[in-house]
Amino acid sequence: MMNLKKNLAYLVRHLREKHRLSVRNRHTDSEVWYMYISPLNLLAGLLAFVLILFIIVTTTVAYTPILDLVPGYPGSRSRTMLVENVMRLDSLEMELRNMQVYSENIALIMAGKNPVTRNDIHTPDSASPHGGTTVAPVAEDSLLRSQMETPSGAYSLDDPDAARKSLRSSMELQSPVKGVVAEEFDPTERRYGIGLATTDNQQVMAVADGTVISSGWTPEEGFVVYVQHGDNMVSVYRHNARLLKKAGERVSRGEIIGYTGDGRTAEGSKKLFEFELWHNGSPVDPRRYIVF
């Protein structure tokens, strides 16, 4: 400890005095290399090295994605994703407000009142009790209300068959398979479609243009495919032997999407091909729209 203090005191007193730093051969004790250096030069060189290292590290962190490789550290990629998510959230919030305004205006029209144009989509307006300005009544509003209230109207709320008529008139559905209806549509018995007796390995066709939203296999139902169509309609095809389409693929009316199965039940009877038709989230009888 005393020698260390003496050496430090010596270096402090002789900061500018040069010292000989040499490298000697251990075997021959001959000098191989030497240089003259002062403690002040050594300190300045160390500070310069630290400064250069700091500049290199700062530049690397600022202009390269090296922090993304550090586990748990929010790098530039994470910050970019955060900004994108915030923008998406803002867009969704705006869409929800627009939908709310639309629903409120429909309710006002049905009640015989004038709809309101919202001004608070971006900035709230406290001048109006509804946060917007009243829209002058137009003939289209009265026409819509009369169609909703008239029993024979196309959009009648009192006619339970109006939605079915609209759906049937707007679509021309293809029969998915050729077969005999063996089980009728009966939601009370948890039969949300019909059962068809078909031949083995028969072509299964899409009933209308649409997009496959699910395609998979289960032990109870075999290969099952769901197709989303227009007018919020979904067709379901169960007990297939194999499928030709995957989720996300577009299909056309009459296009082959699979083949019927040849499976057997526990009693030995052949499994029926099951077809379901859903509209606005509710099952409908396929025989009302398709001739089997």
C-alpha atoms as a PDB file:
ATOM      1  CA  MET A   1       0.000   0.000   0.000  1.00  0.00           C
ATOM      2  CA  MET A   2       2.828   2.389   0.826  1.00  0.00           C
ATOM      3  CA  ASN A   3       4.599   1.608  -2.467  1.00  0.00           C
ATOM      4  CA  LEU A   4       1.371   2.290  -4.405  1.00  0.00           C
ATOM      5  CA  LYS A   5       0.966   5.674  -2.730  1.00  0.00           C
ATOM      6  CA  LYS A   6       4.619   6.538  -3.469  1.00  0.00           C
ATOM      7  CA  ASN A   7       4.225   5.552  -7.120  1.00  0.00           C
ATOM      8  CA  LEU A   8       1.037   7.649  -7.488  1.00  0.00           C
ATOM      9  CA  ALA A   9       2.697  10.613  -5.829  1.00  0.00           C
ATOM     10  CA  TYR A  10       5.684  10.236  -8.144  1.00  0.00           C
ATOM     11  CA  LEU A  11       3.461  10.160 -11.248  1.00  0.00           C
ATOM     12  CA  VAL A  12       1.590  13.259 -10.093  1.00  0.00           C
ATOM     13  CA  ARG A  13       4.840  15.182  -9.557  1.00  0.00           C
ATOM     14  CA  HIS A  14       6.297  14.075 -12.883  1.00  0.00           C
ATOM     15  CA  LEU A  15       3.250  14.215 -15.227  1.00  0.00           C
ATOM     16  CA  ARG A  16       5.195  15.825 -18.078  1.00  0.00           C
ATOM     17  CA  GLU A  17       8.409  13.923 -17.549  1.00  0.00           C
ATOM     18  CA  LYS A  18       8.958  11.190 -20.122  1.00  0.00           C
ATOM     19  CA  HIS A  19       9.687   7.627 -19.079  1.00  0.00           C
ATOM     20  CA  ARG A  20      11.173   4.815 -21.079  1.00  0.00           C
ATOM     21  CA  LEU A  21       8.769   1.959 -21.778  1.00  0.00           C
ATOM     22  CA  SER A  22      10.615  -1.049 -23.173  1.00  0.00           C
ATOM     23  CA  VAL A  23       9.967  -4.681 -24.105  1.00  0.00           C
ATOM     24  CA  ARG A  24      12.835  -7.112 -23.329  1.00  0.00           C
ATOM     25  CA  ASN A  25      13.505 -10.716 -24.279  1.00  0.00           C
ATOM     26  CA  ARG A  26      13.179 -12.898 -21.167  1.00  0.00           C
ATOM     27  CA  HIS A  27      15.899 -15.332 -22.243  1.00  0.00           C
ATOM     28  CA  THR A  28      18.580 -12.999 -23.565  1.00  0.00           C
ATOM     29  CA  ASP A  29      17.575  -9.920 -21.531  1.00  0.00           C
ATOM     30  CA  SER A  30      18.019  -7.865 -24.721  1.00  0.00           C
ATOM     31  CA  GLU A  31      15.731  -4.936 -25.456  1.00  0.00           C
ATOM     32  CA  VAL A  32      13.332  -5.699 -28.297  1.00  0.00           C
ATOM     33  CA  TRP A  33      11.255  -2.491 -28.416  1.00  0.00           C
ATOM     34  CA  TYR A  34      11.006   0.742 -26.483  1.00  0.00           C
ATOM     35  CA  MET A  35       9.276   4.095 -26.492  1.00  0.00           C
ATOM     36  CA  TYR A  36       9.234   7.251 -24.380  1.00  0.00           C
ATOM     37  CA  ILE A  37       5.921   8.199 -22.792  1.00  0.00           C
ATOM     38  CA  SER A  38       4.829  10.532 -20.047  1.00  0.00           C
ATOM     39  CA  PRO A  39       1.963   9.961 -17.589  1.00  0.00           C
ATOM     40  CA  LEU A  40       0.188  12.965 -19.127  1.00  0.00           C
ATOM     41  CA  ASN A  41       0.397  11.425 -22.618  1.00  0.00           C
ATOM     42  CA  LEU A  42      -0.860   8.103 -21.273  1.00  0.00           C
ATOM     43  CA  LEU A  43      -3.863   9.805 -19.618  1.00  0.00           C
ATOM     44  CA  ALA A  44      -4.639  11.782 -22.786  1.00  0.00           C
ATOM     45  CA  GLY A  45      -4.478   8.619 -24.903  1.00  0.00           C
ATOM     46  CA  LEU A  46      -6.821   6.807 -22.527  1.00  0.00           C
ATOM     47  CA  LEU A  47      -9.339   9.668 -22.620  1.00  0.00           C
ATOM     48  CA  ALA A  48      -9.173   9.755 -26.438  1.00  0.00           C
ATOM     49  CA  PHE A  49      -9.795   6.002 -26.604  1.00  0.00           C
ATOM     50  CA  VAL A  50     -12.823   6.306 -24.301  1.00  0.00           C
ATOM     51  CA  LEU A  51     -14.209   9.206 -26.381  1.00  0.00           C
ATOM     52  CA  ILE A  52     -13.797   7.327 -29.670  1.00  0.00           C
ATOM     53  CA  LEU A  53     -15.424   4.221 -28.156  1.00  0.00           C
ATOM     54  CA  PHE A  54     -18.345   6.342 -26.924  1.00  0.00           C
ATOM     55  CA  ILE A  55     -18.845   7.877 -30.386  1.00  0.00           C
ATOM     56  CA  ILE A  56     -18.774   4.446 -32.055  1.00  0.00           C
ATOM     57  CA  VAL A  57     -21.289   2.964 -29.610  1.00  0.00           C
ATOM     58  CA  THR A  58     -23.641   5.980 -29.857  1.00  0.00           C
ATOM     59  CA  THR A  59     -23.543   5.974 -33.653  1.00  0.00           C
ATOM     60  CA  THR A  60     -24.187   2.219 -33.799  1.00  0.00           C
ATOM     61  CA  VAL A  61     -27.179   2.455 -31.459  1.00  0.00           C
ATOM     62  CA  ALA A  62     -28.665   5.488 -33.235  1.00  0.00           C
ATOM     63  CA  TYR A  63     -28.321   4.392 -36.864  1.00  0.00           C
ATOM     64  CA  THR A  64     -28.489   0.585 -36.740  1.00  0.00           C
ATOM     65  CA  PRO A  65     -31.162  -1.848 -35.468  1.00  0.00           C
ATOM     66  CA  ILE A  66     -28.709  -3.499 -33.097  1.00  0.00           C
ATOM     67  CA  LEU A  67     -30.992  -2.856 -30.093  1.00  0.00           C
ATOM     68  CA  ASP A  68     -33.631  -5.098 -31.675  1.00  0.00           C
ATOM     69  CA  LEU A  69     -31.251  -8.014 -31.012  1.00  0.00           C
ATOM     70  CA  VAL A  70     -31.163  -7.285 -27.265  1.00  0.00           C
ATOM     71  CA  PRO A  71     -33.873  -9.380 -25.515  1.00  0.00           C
ATOM     72  CA  GLY A  72     -36.422  -7.255 -23.653  1.00  0.00           C
ATOM     73  CA  TYR A  73     -35.126  -3.920 -24.994  1.00  0.00           C
ATOM     74  CA  PRO A  74     -37.645  -1.760 -26.921  1.00  0.00           C
ATOM     75  CA  GLY A  75     -35.748  -1.142 -30.145  1.00  0.00           C
ATOM     76  CA  SER A  76     -36.731   0.891 -33.186  1.00  0.00           C
ATOM     77  CA  ARG A  77     -38.887  -1.927 -34.530  1.00  0.00           C
ATOM     78  CA  SER A  78     -40.920  -2.012 -31.330  1.00  0.00           C
ATOM     79  CA  ARG A  79     -41.381   1.756 -31.403  1.00  0.00           C
ATOM     80  CA  THR A  80     -42.512   1.590 -35.047  1.00  0.00           C
ATOM     81  CA  MET A  81     -45.046  -1.143 -34.218  1.00  0.00           C
ATOM     82  CA  LEU A  82     -46.306   0.923 -31.270  1.00  0.00           C
ATOM     83  CA  VAL A  83     -46.887   3.951 -33.495  1.00  0.00           C
ATOM     84  CA  GLU A  84     -48.677   1.816 -36.109  1.00  0.00           C
ATOM     85  CA  ASN A  85     -50.906   0.243 -33.447  1.00  0.00           C
ATOM     86  CA  VAL A  86     -51.796   3.678 -32.066  1.00  0.00           C
ATOM     87  CA  MET A  87     -52.768   4.814 -35.571  1.00  0.00           C
ATOM     88  CA  ARG A  88     -54.886   1.685 -36.096  1.00  0.00           C
ATOM     89  CA  LEU A  89     -56.601   2.222 -32.751  1.00  0.00           C
ATOM     90  CA  ASP A  90     -57.390   5.811 -33.693  1.00  0.00           C
ATOM     91  CA  SER A  91     -58.872   4.670 -37.011  1.00  0.00           C
ATOM     92  CA  LEU A  92     -60.999   2.022 -35.277  1.00  0.00           C
ATOM     93  CA  GLU A  93     -62.261   4.594 -32.797  1.00  0.00           C
ATOM     94  CA  MET A  94     -63.277   6.893 -35.656  1.00  0.00           C
ATOM     95  CA  GLU A  95     -65.074   4.029 -37.423  1.00  0.00           C
ATOM     96  CA  LEU A  96     -66.964   3.171 -34.234  1.00  0.00           C
ATOM     97  CA  ARG A  97     -68.085   6.783 -33.902  1.00  0.00           C
ATOM     98  CA  ASN A  98     -69.264   6.824 -37.503  1.00  0.00           C
ATOM     99  CA  MET A  99     -71.218   3.600 -36.948  1.00  0.00           C
ATOM    100  CA  GLN A 100     -72.767   5.045 -33.791  1.00  0.00           C
ATOM    101  CA  VAL A 101     -73.864   8.176 -35.672  1.00  0.00           C
ATOM    102  CA  TYR A 102     -75.319   6.017 -38.451  1.00  0.00           C
ATOM    103  CA  SER A 103     -77.284   3.858 -35.980  1.00  0.00           C
ATOM    104  CA  GLU A 104     -78.628   6.895 -34.133  1.00  0.00           C
ATOM    105  CA  ASN A 105     -79.745   8.505 -37.378  1.00  0.00           C
ATOM    106  CA  ILE A 106     -81.569   5.333 -38.453  1.00  0.00           C
ATOM    107  CA  ALA A 107     -83.333   5.310 -35.069  1.00  0.00           C
ATOM    108  CA  LEU A 108     -84.306   8.969 -35.489  1.00  0.00           C
ATOM    109  CA  ILE A 109     -85.657   8.316 -38.989  1.00  0.00           C
ATOM    110  CA  MET A 110     -87.717   5.362 -37.732  1.00  0.00           C
ATOM    111  CA  ALA A 111     -89.096   7.537 -34.944  1.00  0.00           C
ATOM    112  CA  GLY A 112     -90.183  10.161 -37.470  1.00  0.00           C
ATOM    113  CA  LYS A 113     -87.536  12.663 -36.395  1.00  0.00           C
ATOM    114  CA  ASN A 114     -84.852  14.437 -38.352  1.00  0.00           C
ATOM    115  CA  PRO A 115     -81.364  12.852 -38.387  1.00  0.00           C
ATOM    116  CA  VAL A 116     -78.384  14.708 -36.972  1.00  0.00           C
ATOM    117  CA  THR A 117     -74.995  15.203 -38.579  1.00  0.00           C
ATOM    118  CA  ARG A 118     -72.332  14.784 -35.929  1.00  0.00           C
ATOM    119  CA  ASN A 119     -69.553  17.334 -35.679  1.00  0.00           C
ATOM    120  CA  ASP A 120     -67.705  15.560 -32.910  1.00  0.00           C
ATOM    121  CA  ILE A 121     -66.044  12.953 -35.095  1.00  0.00           C
ATOM    122  CA  HIS A 122     -62.841  14.939 -34.639  1.00  0.00           C
ATOM    123  CA  THR A 123     -63.764  17.780 -32.262  1.00  0.00           C
ATOM    124  CA  PRO A 124     -66.833  17.933 -29.991  1.00  0.00           C
ATOM    125  CA  ASP A 125     -69.354  20.718 -30.530  1.00  0.00           C
ATOM    126  CA  SER A 126     -71.149  21.789 -27.387  1.00  0.00           C
ATOM    127  CA  ALA A 127     -73.374  24.303 -29.179  1.00  0.00           C
ATOM    128  CA  SER A 128     -75.868  21.592 -30.125  1.00  0.00           C
ATOM    129  CA  PRO A 129     -77.534  19.321 -27.549  1.00  0.00           C
ATOM    130  CA  HIS A 130     -76.682  16.343 -29.785  1.00  0.00           C
ATOM    131  CA  GLY A 131     -73.191  17.561 -30.637  1.00  0.00           C
ATOM    132  CA  GLY A 132     -74.201  18.228 -34.253  1.00  0.00           C
ATOM    133  CA  THR A 133     -76.511  20.017 -36.642  1.00  0.00           C
ATOM    134  CA  THR A 134     -79.988  18.927 -37.623  1.00  0.00           C
ATOM    135  CA  VAL A 135     -80.416  17.710 -41.179  1.00  0.00           C
ATOM    136  CA  ALA A 136     -83.455  18.860 -43.105  1.00  0.00           C
ATOM    137  CA  PRO A 137     -85.919  16.047 -43.849  1.00  0.00           C
ATOM    138  CA  VAL A 138     -85.685  14.519 -47.297  1.00  0.00           C
ATOM    139  CA  ALA A 139     -88.040  12.330 -49.287  1.00  0.00           C
ATOM    140  CA  GLU A 140     -85.743   9.282 -49.064  1.00  0.00           C
ATOM    141  CA  ASP A 141     -86.079   9.218 -45.244  1.00  0.00           C
ATOM    142  CA  SER A 142     -89.860   9.139 -45.425  1.00  0.00           C
ATOM    143  CA  LEU A 143     -89.739   6.465 -48.124  1.00  0.00           C
ATOM    144  CA  LEU A 144     -87.470   4.258 -46.009  1.00  0.00           C
ATOM    145  CA  ARG A 145     -89.729   4.633 -42.980  1.00  0.00           C
ATOM    146  CA  SER A 146     -92.820   3.773 -45.026  1.00  0.00           C
ATOM    147  CA  GLN A 147     -91.130   0.660 -46.417  1.00  0.00           C
ATOM    148  CA  MET A 148     -90.189  -0.448 -42.899  1.00  0.00           C
ATOM    149  CA  GLU A 149     -93.681   0.164 -41.522  1.00  0.00           C
ATOM    150  CA  THR A 150     -95.743  -1.168 -44.453  1.00  0.00           C
ATOM    151  CA  PRO A 151     -96.398  -4.933 -44.095  1.00  0.00           C
ATOM    152  CA  SER A 152     -95.963  -5.475 -47.802  1.00  0.00           C
ATOM    153  CA  GLY A 153     -92.802  -3.357 -48.065  1.00  0.00           C
ATOM    154  CA  ALA A 154     -89.473  -4.845 -49.151  1.00  0.00           C
ATOM    155  CA  TYR A 155     -87.932  -4.049 -45.751  1.00  0.00           C
ATOM    156  CA  SER A 156     -91.004  -4.610 -43.618  1.00  0.00           C
ATOM    157  CA  LEU A 157     -90.452  -5.322 -39.917  1.00  0.00           C
ATOM    158  CA  ASP A 158     -93.860  -6.950 -39.635  1.00  0.00           C
ATOM    159  CA  ASP A 159     -93.314  -9.479 -42.438  1.00  0.00           C
ATOM    160  CA  PRO A 160     -91.170 -12.414 -41.183  1.00  0.00           C
ATOM    161  CA  ASP A 161     -90.652 -13.656 -44.751  1.00  0.00           C
ATOM    162  CA  ALA A 162     -89.347 -10.305 -46.072  1.00  0.00           C
ATOM    163  CA  ALA A 163     -85.693 -11.073 -45.333  1.00  0.00           C
ATOM    164  CA  ARG A 164     -86.053 -14.547 -46.840  1.00  0.00           C
ATOM    165  CA  LYS A 165     -87.680 -13.147 -49.978  1.00  0.00           C
ATOM    166  CA  SER A 166     -84.943 -10.549 -50.333  1.00  0.00           C
ATOM    167  CA  LEU A 167     -82.244 -13.187 -49.912  1.00  0.00           C
ATOM    168  CA  ARG A 168     -83.866 -15.605 -52.333  1.00  0.00           C
ATOM    169  CA  SER A 169     -84.450 -12.965 -54.999  1.00  0.00           C
ATOM    170  CA  SER A 170     -80.878 -11.670 -54.804  1.00  0.00           C
ATOM    171  CA  MET A 171     -79.168 -15.061 -55.089  1.00  0.00           C
ATOM    172  CA  GLU A 172     -79.198 -18.016 -57.419  1.00  0.00           C
ATOM    173  CA  LEU A 173     -77.861 -20.963 -55.426  1.00  0.00           C
ATOM    174  CA  GLN A 174     -76.300 -24.110 -56.849  1.00  0.00           C
ATOM    175  CA  SER A 175     -77.097 -27.493 -55.344  1.00  0.00           C
ATOM    176  CA  PRO A 176     -73.931 -28.692 -53.533  1.00  0.00           C
ATOM    177  CA  VAL A 177     -74.457 -32.407 -54.363  1.00  0.00           C
ATOM    178  CA  LYS A 178     -76.917 -34.760 -56.022  1.00  0.00           C
ATOM    179  CA  GLY A 179     -78.783 -36.814 -53.477  1.00  0.00           C
ATOM    180  CA  VAL A 180     -81.963 -37.527 -51.548  1.00  0.00           C
ATOM    181  CA  VAL A 181     -82.918 -35.501 -48.474  1.00  0.00           C
ATOM    182  CA  ALA A 182     -82.863 -38.000 -45.600  1.00  0.00           C
ATOM    183  CA  GLU A 183     -82.939 -35.562 -42.663  1.00  0.00           C
ATOM    184  CA  GLU A 184     -84.993 -32.386 -42.648  1.00  0.00           C
ATOM    185  CA  PHE A 185     -84.030 -28.999 -41.213  1.00  0.00           C
ATOM    186  CA  ASP A 186     -85.124 -28.838 -37.551  1.00  0.00           C
ATOM    187  CA  PRO A 187     -83.346 -26.389 -35.206  1.00  0.00           C
ATOM    188  CA  THR A 188     -85.369 -27.668 -32.230  1.00  0.00           C
ATOM    189  CA  GLU A 189     -83.569 -31.003 -32.642  1.00  0.00           C
ATOM    190  CA  ARG A 190     -80.201 -29.261 -33.167  1.00  0.00           C
ATOM    191  CA  ARG A 191     -80.324 -30.028 -36.882  1.00  0.00           C
ATOM    192  CA  TYR A 192     -79.316 -26.727 -38.420  1.00  0.00           C
ATOM    193  CA  GLY A 193     -79.158 -28.091 -41.947  1.00  0.00           C
ATOM    194  CA  ILE A 194     -80.295 -31.068 -43.977  1.00  0.00           C
ATOM    195  CA  GLY A 195     -78.836 -34.569 -44.364  1.00  0.00           C
ATOM    196  CA  LEU A 196     -78.386 -35.881 -47.904  1.00  0.00           C
ATOM    197  CA  ALA A 197     -77.901 -39.504 -48.939  1.00  0.00           C
ATOM    198  CA  THR A 198     -75.324 -39.391 -51.726  1.00  0.00           C
ATOM    199  CA  THR A 199     -73.026 -41.731 -53.612  1.00  0.00           C
ATOM    200  CA  ASP A 200     -69.423 -42.138 -52.505  1.00  0.00           C
ATOM    201  CA  ASN A 201     -66.751 -39.720 -53.750  1.00  0.00           C
ATOM    202  CA  GLN A 202     -69.303 -37.433 -55.388  1.00  0.00           C
ATOM    203  CA  GLN A 203     -68.217 -33.910 -56.264  1.00  0.00           C
ATOM    204  CA  VAL A 204     -69.153 -31.240 -53.719  1.00  0.00           C
ATOM    205  CA  MET A 205     -69.745 -27.825 -55.338  1.00  0.00           C
ATOM    206  CA  ALA A 206     -69.952 -24.317 -53.915  1.00  0.00           C
ATOM    207  CA  VAL A 207     -73.537 -23.048 -53.905  1.00  0.00           C
ATOM    208  CA  ALA A 208     -72.451 -19.468 -54.786  1.00  0.00           C
ATOM    209  CA  ASP A 209     -69.419 -17.240 -55.210  1.00  0.00           C
ATOM    210  CA  GLY A 210     -67.555 -16.667 -51.975  1.00  0.00           C
ATOM    211  CA  THR A 211     -64.442 -17.109 -49.844  1.00  0.00           C
ATOM    212  CA  VAL A 212     -63.454 -20.169 -47.793  1.00  0.00           C
ATOM    213  CA  ILE A 213     -63.255 -19.064 -44.150  1.00  0.00           C
ATOM    214  CA  SER A 214     -62.567 -22.471 -42.569  1.00  0.00           C
ATOM    215  CA  SER A 215     -61.356 -25.819 -43.849  1.00  0.00           C
ATOM    216  CA  GLY A 216     -60.458 -28.669 -41.505  1.00  0.00           C
ATOM    217  CA  TRP A 217     -61.150 -32.139 -40.104  1.00  0.00           C
ATOM    218  CA  THR A 218     -62.815 -33.405 -36.918  1.00  0.00           C
ATOM    219  CA  PRO A 219     -63.330 -37.005 -35.738  1.00  0.00           C
ATOM    220  CA  GLU A 220     -67.122 -36.540 -35.540  1.00  0.00           C
ATOM    221  CA  GLU A 221     -67.776 -34.656 -38.797  1.00  0.00           C
ATOM    222  CA  GLY A 222     -64.842 -35.587 -41.036  1.00  0.00           C
ATOM    223  CA  PHE A 223     -63.679 -32.865 -43.395  1.00  0.00           C
ATOM    224  CA  VAL A 224     -65.726 -29.661 -42.997  1.00  0.00           C
ATOM    225  CA  VAL A 225     -65.572 -26.465 -45.055  1.00  0.00           C
ATOM    226  CA  TYR A 226     -67.209 -23.078 -44.430  1.00  0.00           C
ATOM    227  CA  VAL A 227     -67.736 -20.601 -47.300  1.00  0.00           C
ATOM    228  CA  GLN A 228     -68.648 -16.934 -46.791  1.00  0.00           C
ATOM    229  CA  HIS A 229     -70.948 -15.491 -49.474  1.00  0.00           C
ATOM    230  CA  GLY A 230     -72.508 -12.112 -50.116  1.00  0.00           C
ATOM    231  CA  ASP A 231     -75.458 -10.729 -48.134  1.00  0.00           C
ATOM    232  CA  ASN A 232     -73.877 -12.097 -44.933  1.00  0.00           C
ATOM    233  CA  MET A 233     -74.597 -15.717 -45.881  1.00  0.00           C
ATOM    234  CA  VAL A 234     -72.430 -18.726 -44.945  1.00  0.00           C
ATOM    235  CA  SER A 235     -72.712 -22.248 -46.356  1.00  0.00           C
ATOM    236  CA  VAL A 236     -71.384 -25.287 -44.443  1.00  0.00           C
ATOM    237  CA  TYR A 237     -70.472 -28.687 -45.953  1.00  0.00           C
ATOM    238  CA  ARG A 238     -69.906 -31.562 -43.504  1.00  0.00           C
ATOM    239  CA  HIS A 239     -68.787 -35.224 -43.777  1.00  0.00           C
ATOM    240  CA  ASN A 240     -66.508 -34.857 -46.792  1.00  0.00           C
ATOM    241  CA  ALA A 241     -63.931 -37.482 -47.748  1.00  0.00           C
ATOM    242  CA  ARG A 242     -61.428 -34.812 -48.792  1.00  0.00           C
ATOM    243  CA  LEU A 243     -61.291 -31.093 -49.516  1.00  0.00           C
ATOM    244  CA  LEU A 244     -59.734 -29.181 -52.408  1.00  0.00           C
ATOM    245  CA  LYS A 245     -59.846 -25.674 -50.939  1.00  0.00           C
ATOM    246  CA  LYS A 246     -58.066 -23.991 -48.036  1.00  0.00           C
ATOM    247  CA  ALA A 247     -59.075 -21.059 -45.865  1.00  0.00           C
ATOM    248  CA  GLY A 248     -58.719 -17.745 -47.675  1.00  0.00           C
ATOM    249  CA  GLU A 249     -59.246 -19.105 -51.199  1.00  0.00           C
ATOM    250  CA  ARG A 250     -61.940 -17.667 -53.469  1.00  0.00           C
ATOM    251  CA  VAL A 251     -64.496 -20.043 -54.987  1.00  0.00           C
ATOM    252  CA  SER A 252     -67.037 -19.596 -57.757  1.00  0.00           C
ATOM    253  CA  ARG A 253     -70.598 -20.876 -57.991  1.00  0.00           C
ATOM    254  CA  GLY A 254     -70.507 -24.538 -59.060  1.00  0.00           C
ATOM    255  CA  GLU A 255     -66.754 -24.891 -58.419  1.00  0.00           C
ATOM    256  CA  ILE A 256     -65.664 -28.232 -56.906  1.00  0.00           C
ATOM    257  CA  ILE A 257     -64.490 -27.791 -53.307  1.00  0.00           C
ATOM    258  CA  GLY A 258     -64.343 -31.437 -52.190  1.00  0.00           C
ATOM    259  CA  TYR A 259     -65.741 -34.962 -52.429  1.00  0.00           C
ATOM    260  CA  THR A 260     -68.376 -36.742 -50.353  1.00  0.00           C
ATOM    261  CA  GLY A 261     -67.247 -39.317 -47.822  1.00  0.00           C
ATOM    262  CA  ASP A 262     -67.770 -43.050 -47.545  1.00  0.00           C
ATOM    263  CA  GLY A 263     -67.614 -43.213 -43.745  1.00  0.00           C
ATOM    264  CA  ARG A 264     -69.858 -45.392 -41.596  1.00  0.00           C
ATOM    265  CA  THR A 265     -71.601 -44.776 -38.274  1.00  0.00           C
ATOM    266  CA  ALA A 266     -71.139 -46.981 -35.207  1.00  0.00           C
ATOM    267  CA  GLU A 267     -74.204 -49.001 -36.296  1.00  0.00           C
ATOM    268  CA  GLY A 268     -72.700 -49.608 -39.736  1.00  0.00           C
ATOM    269  CA  SER A 269     -74.958 -47.272 -41.715  1.00  0.00           C
ATOM    270  CA  LYS A 270     -73.491 -44.766 -44.141  1.00  0.00           C
ATOM    271  CA  LYS A 271     -72.986 -41.212 -42.839  1.00  0.00           C
ATOM    272  CA  LEU A 272     -75.125 -38.553 -44.488  1.00  0.00           C
ATOM    273  CA  PHE A 273     -73.658 -35.549 -46.205  1.00  0.00           C
ATOM    274  CA  GLU A 274     -74.787 -32.525 -44.165  1.00  0.00           C
ATOM    275  CA  PHE A 275     -75.364 -29.102 -45.681  1.00  0.00           C
ATOM    276  CA  GLU A 276     -76.192 -25.940 -43.723  1.00  0.00           C
ATOM    277  CA  LEU A 277     -77.104 -22.422 -44.778  1.00  0.00           C
ATOM    278  CA  TRP A 278     -76.737 -19.495 -42.356  1.00  0.00           C
ATOM    279  CA  HIS A 279     -77.970 -15.947 -42.939  1.00  0.00           C
ATOM    280  CA  ASN A 280     -77.123 -13.068 -40.584  1.00  0.00           C
ATOM    281  CA  GLY A 281     -75.895 -15.556 -37.998  1.00  0.00           C
ATOM    282  CA  SER A 282     -79.110 -17.659 -37.969  1.00  0.00           C
ATOM    283  CA  PRO A 283     -79.700 -21.040 -39.645  1.00  0.00           C
ATOM    284  CA  VAL A 284     -82.198 -21.171 -42.517  1.00  0.00           C
ATOM    285  CA  ASP A 285     -83.775 -24.122 -44.303  1.00  0.00           C
ATOM    286  CA  PRO A 286     -81.661 -24.800 -47.434  1.00  0.00           C
ATOM    287  CA  ARG A 287     -84.680 -26.339 -49.195  1.00  0.00           C
ATOM    288  CA  ARG A 288     -86.283 -22.890 -49.385  1.00  0.00           C
ATOM    289  CA  TYR A 289     -83.491 -21.705 -51.686  1.00  0.00           C
ATOM    290  CA  ILE A 290     -82.125 -24.829 -53.401  1.00  0.00           C
ATOM    291  CA  VAL A 291     -83.846 -27.624 -55.312  1.00  0.00           C
ATOM    292  CA  PHE A 292     -82.176 -30.907 -54.292  1.00  0.00           C
END
